[in-house]
Amino acid sequence: MHDNKHKTLVSMPFEKNNPHRYTRKLKRPLGKMIGFRGYEGQSEQLKTVPNWQERLRQFVDQLICDLPKNE
């Protein structure tokens, strides 16, 4: 007697050039994760902001560019 209650679904990746395959939307590759401790509630609020991850990456780039150049 077979127990069909616990079937495991195996997901197979789409083949190359399949029109339904996931494509990256980022122009630059992602690096290591950056973490920092925010104030209470900021994490939940941040996740409600549309496109928050890309906007935060752009803000970090701007923050780095604003540093004075050591000559």
N, C-alpha and C. Protein backbone atom coordinates (compact mmCIF):
# COMPACT_ATOMS: atom_id res chain seq x y z
N MET A 1 0.84 -1.18 0.00
CA MET A 1 0.00 0.00 0.00
C MET A 1 0.89 1.24 0.00
N HIS A 2 0.60 2.17 -0.90
CA HIS A 2 1.39 3.38 -1.02
C HIS A 2 0.78 4.51 -0.21
N ASP A 3 1.64 5.29 0.41
CA ASP A 3 1.20 6.47 1.15
C ASP A 3 1.40 7.68 0.24
N ASN A 4 0.34 8.15 -0.39
CA ASN A 4 0.43 9.26 -1.34
C ASN A 4 0.29 10.62 -0.67
N LYS A 5 0.21 10.66 0.65
CA LYS A 5 0.05 11.94 1.35
C LYS A 5 1.31 12.79 1.31
N HIS A 6 2.47 12.15 1.20
CA HIS A 6 3.73 12.86 1.32
C HIS A 6 4.53 12.81 0.04
N LYS A 7 3.95 13.31 -1.02
CA LYS A 7 4.68 13.35 -2.29
C LYS A 7 5.65 14.52 -2.26
N THR A 8 6.82 14.32 -2.75
CA THR A 8 7.82 15.37 -2.82
C THR A 8 7.89 15.90 -4.25
N LEU A 9 7.74 17.20 -4.39
CA LEU A 9 7.83 17.81 -5.70
C LEU A 9 9.28 18.20 -5.95
N VAL A 10 9.80 17.79 -7.07
CA VAL A 10 11.17 18.12 -7.44
C VAL A 10 11.09 19.19 -8.51
N SER A 11 11.73 20.30 -8.26
CA SER A 11 11.70 21.37 -9.24
C SER A 11 12.92 21.26 -10.14
N MET A 12 12.68 21.27 -11.41
CA MET A 12 13.76 21.17 -12.38
C MET A 12 14.01 22.57 -12.96
N PRO A 13 15.24 22.98 -13.09
CA PRO A 13 15.51 24.30 -13.67
C PRO A 13 15.17 24.31 -15.16
N PHE A 14 14.78 25.48 -15.63
CA PHE A 14 14.49 25.62 -17.06
C PHE A 14 15.80 25.51 -17.85
N GLU A 15 15.70 24.98 -19.04
CA GLU A 15 16.86 24.88 -19.91
C GLU A 15 17.27 26.26 -20.40
N LYS A 16 18.52 26.37 -20.87
CA LYS A 16 19.00 27.65 -21.41
C LYS A 16 18.11 28.08 -22.56
N ASN A 17 17.95 29.38 -22.70
CA ASN A 17 17.17 30.01 -23.75
C ASN A 17 15.67 29.71 -23.68
N ASN A 18 15.21 29.12 -22.60
CA ASN A 18 13.78 28.91 -22.42
C ASN A 18 13.16 30.26 -22.09
N PRO A 19 12.07 30.67 -22.77
CA PRO A 19 11.50 32.00 -22.53
C PRO A 19 10.95 32.17 -21.12
N HIS A 20 10.71 31.08 -20.40
CA HIS A 20 10.17 31.18 -19.04
C HIS A 20 11.26 31.13 -17.97
N ARG A 21 12.49 31.01 -18.39
CA ARG A 21 13.61 30.95 -17.45
C ARG A 21 13.81 32.33 -16.81
N TYR A 22 14.17 32.35 -15.53
CA TYR A 22 14.42 33.60 -14.81
C TYR A 22 15.62 34.32 -15.41
N THR A 23 15.49 35.61 -15.59
CA THR A 23 16.62 36.42 -16.04
C THR A 23 16.87 37.52 -15.00
N ARG A 24 18.12 37.83 -14.79
CA ARG A 24 18.48 38.88 -13.84
C ARG A 24 18.09 40.23 -14.40
N LYS A 25 17.63 41.08 -13.51
CA LYS A 25 17.25 42.43 -13.91
C LYS A 25 18.30 43.46 -13.49
N LEU A 26 19.29 43.00 -12.73
CA LEU A 26 20.32 43.91 -12.25
C LEU A 26 21.40 44.12 -13.30
N LYS A 27 21.94 45.33 -13.32
CA LYS A 27 22.99 45.65 -14.29
C LYS A 27 24.35 45.18 -13.79
N ARG A 28 24.51 45.09 -12.49
CA ARG A 28 25.78 44.69 -11.90
C ARG A 28 25.58 43.44 -11.06
N PRO A 29 26.59 42.58 -10.97
CA PRO A 29 26.45 41.38 -10.14
C PRO A 29 26.42 41.75 -8.65
N LEU A 30 25.76 40.91 -7.87
CA LEU A 30 25.68 41.15 -6.43
C LEU A 30 26.92 40.62 -5.75
N GLY A 31 27.34 41.30 -4.70
CA GLY A 31 28.49 40.86 -3.91
C GLY A 31 28.02 40.22 -2.62
N LYS A 32 28.85 40.30 -1.61
CA LYS A 32 28.52 39.73 -0.30
C LYS A 32 27.43 40.55 0.37
N MET A 33 26.74 39.90 1.27
CA MET A 33 25.66 40.56 2.00
C MET A 33 26.23 41.61 2.93
N ILE A 34 25.58 42.76 2.99
CA ILE A 34 25.96 43.84 3.90
C ILE A 34 24.90 43.86 5.00
N GLY A 35 25.31 43.88 6.23
CA GLY A 35 24.36 43.92 7.32
C GLY A 35 24.67 45.06 8.27
N PHE A 36 23.63 45.61 8.85
CA PHE A 36 23.82 46.61 9.89
C PHE A 36 22.60 46.56 10.80
N ARG A 37 22.79 47.06 11.99
CA ARG A 37 21.70 47.05 12.96
C ARG A 37 20.95 48.37 12.88
N GLY A 38 19.72 48.30 12.46
CA GLY A 38 18.88 49.49 12.39
C GLY A 38 18.10 49.67 13.69
N TYR A 39 17.33 50.71 13.73
CA TYR A 39 16.48 50.97 14.88
C TYR A 39 15.30 50.00 14.88
N GLU A 40 14.66 49.85 16.02
CA GLU A 40 13.51 48.95 16.12
C GLU A 40 12.45 49.36 15.10
N GLY A 41 11.92 48.37 14.40
CA GLY A 41 10.84 48.61 13.45
C GLY A 41 11.28 48.98 12.05
N GLN A 42 12.55 49.36 11.88
CA GLN A 42 13.02 49.78 10.56
C GLN A 42 12.99 48.65 9.54
N SER A 43 13.30 47.45 9.96
CA SER A 43 13.34 46.32 9.03
C SER A 43 11.96 46.08 8.42
N GLU A 44 10.94 46.07 9.25
CA GLU A 44 9.58 45.84 8.76
C GLU A 44 9.13 46.99 7.86
N GLN A 45 9.43 48.22 8.26
CA GLN A 45 9.03 49.38 7.46
C GLN A 45 9.77 49.42 6.14
N LEU A 46 11.04 49.08 6.15
CA LEU A 46 11.85 49.11 4.93
C LEU A 46 11.28 48.16 3.89
N LYS A 47 10.84 47.00 4.32
CA LYS A 47 10.31 46.00 3.39
C LYS A 47 9.01 46.43 2.73
N THR A 48 8.36 47.49 3.22
CA THR A 48 7.15 48.00 2.59
C THR A 48 7.46 49.02 1.50
N VAL A 49 8.70 49.46 1.41
CA VAL A 49 9.11 50.45 0.40
C VAL A 49 9.30 49.74 -0.94
N PRO A 50 8.64 50.23 -2.00
CA PRO A 50 8.80 49.60 -3.31
C PRO A 50 10.26 49.65 -3.78
N ASN A 51 10.76 48.52 -4.31
CA ASN A 51 12.10 48.44 -4.88
C ASN A 51 13.18 48.86 -3.87
N TRP A 52 12.98 48.50 -2.60
CA TRP A 52 13.85 49.00 -1.54
C TRP A 52 15.29 48.51 -1.66
N GLN A 53 15.49 47.29 -2.14
CA GLN A 53 16.86 46.78 -2.19
C GLN A 53 17.70 47.54 -3.23
N GLU A 54 17.14 47.76 -4.40
CA GLU A 54 17.89 48.50 -5.43
C GLU A 54 18.09 49.94 -5.01
N ARG A 55 17.09 50.55 -4.40
CA ARG A 55 17.22 51.94 -3.94
C ARG A 55 18.28 52.05 -2.85
N LEU A 56 18.37 51.06 -1.98
CA LEU A 56 19.39 51.07 -0.93
C LEU A 56 20.78 50.89 -1.53
N ARG A 57 20.91 50.04 -2.55
CA ARG A 57 22.21 49.88 -3.24
C ARG A 57 22.65 51.22 -3.85
N GLN A 58 21.73 51.93 -4.47
CA GLN A 58 22.06 53.22 -5.08
C GLN A 58 22.45 54.23 -4.01
N PHE A 59 21.75 54.20 -2.88
CA PHE A 59 22.09 55.12 -1.79
C PHE A 59 23.49 54.84 -1.25
N VAL A 60 23.84 53.56 -1.12
CA VAL A 60 25.18 53.19 -0.63
C VAL A 60 26.24 53.67 -1.62
N ASP A 61 26.00 53.51 -2.93
CA ASP A 61 26.94 54.02 -3.93
C ASP A 61 27.13 55.52 -3.77
N GLN A 62 26.02 56.25 -3.57
CA GLN A 62 26.11 57.70 -3.40
C GLN A 62 26.85 58.05 -2.13
N LEU A 63 26.59 57.33 -1.06
CA LEU A 63 27.27 57.56 0.22
C LEU A 63 28.78 57.39 0.07
N ILE A 64 29.20 56.36 -0.68
CA ILE A 64 30.62 56.11 -0.91
C ILE A 64 31.23 57.21 -1.78
N CYS A 65 30.49 57.65 -2.80
CA CYS A 65 31.00 58.70 -3.69
C CYS A 65 31.16 60.04 -2.97
N ASP A 66 30.37 60.26 -1.95
CA ASP A 66 30.41 61.53 -1.21
C ASP A 66 31.60 61.62 -0.26
N LEU A 67 32.33 60.51 -0.07
CA LEU A 67 33.50 60.56 0.81
C LEU A 67 34.57 61.46 0.21
N PRO A 68 35.26 62.22 1.07
CA PRO A 68 36.36 63.03 0.54
C PRO A 68 37.48 62.12 0.04
N LYS A 69 38.10 62.52 -1.03
CA LYS A 69 39.20 61.74 -1.62
C LYS A 69 40.47 62.01 -0.81
N ASN A 70 41.13 60.94 -0.39
CA ASN A 70 42.41 61.08 0.33
C ASN A 70 43.52 61.17 -0.72
N GLU A 71 44.15 62.31 -0.77
CA GLU A 71 45.23 62.52 -1.76
C GLU A 71 46.53 62.74 -1.07
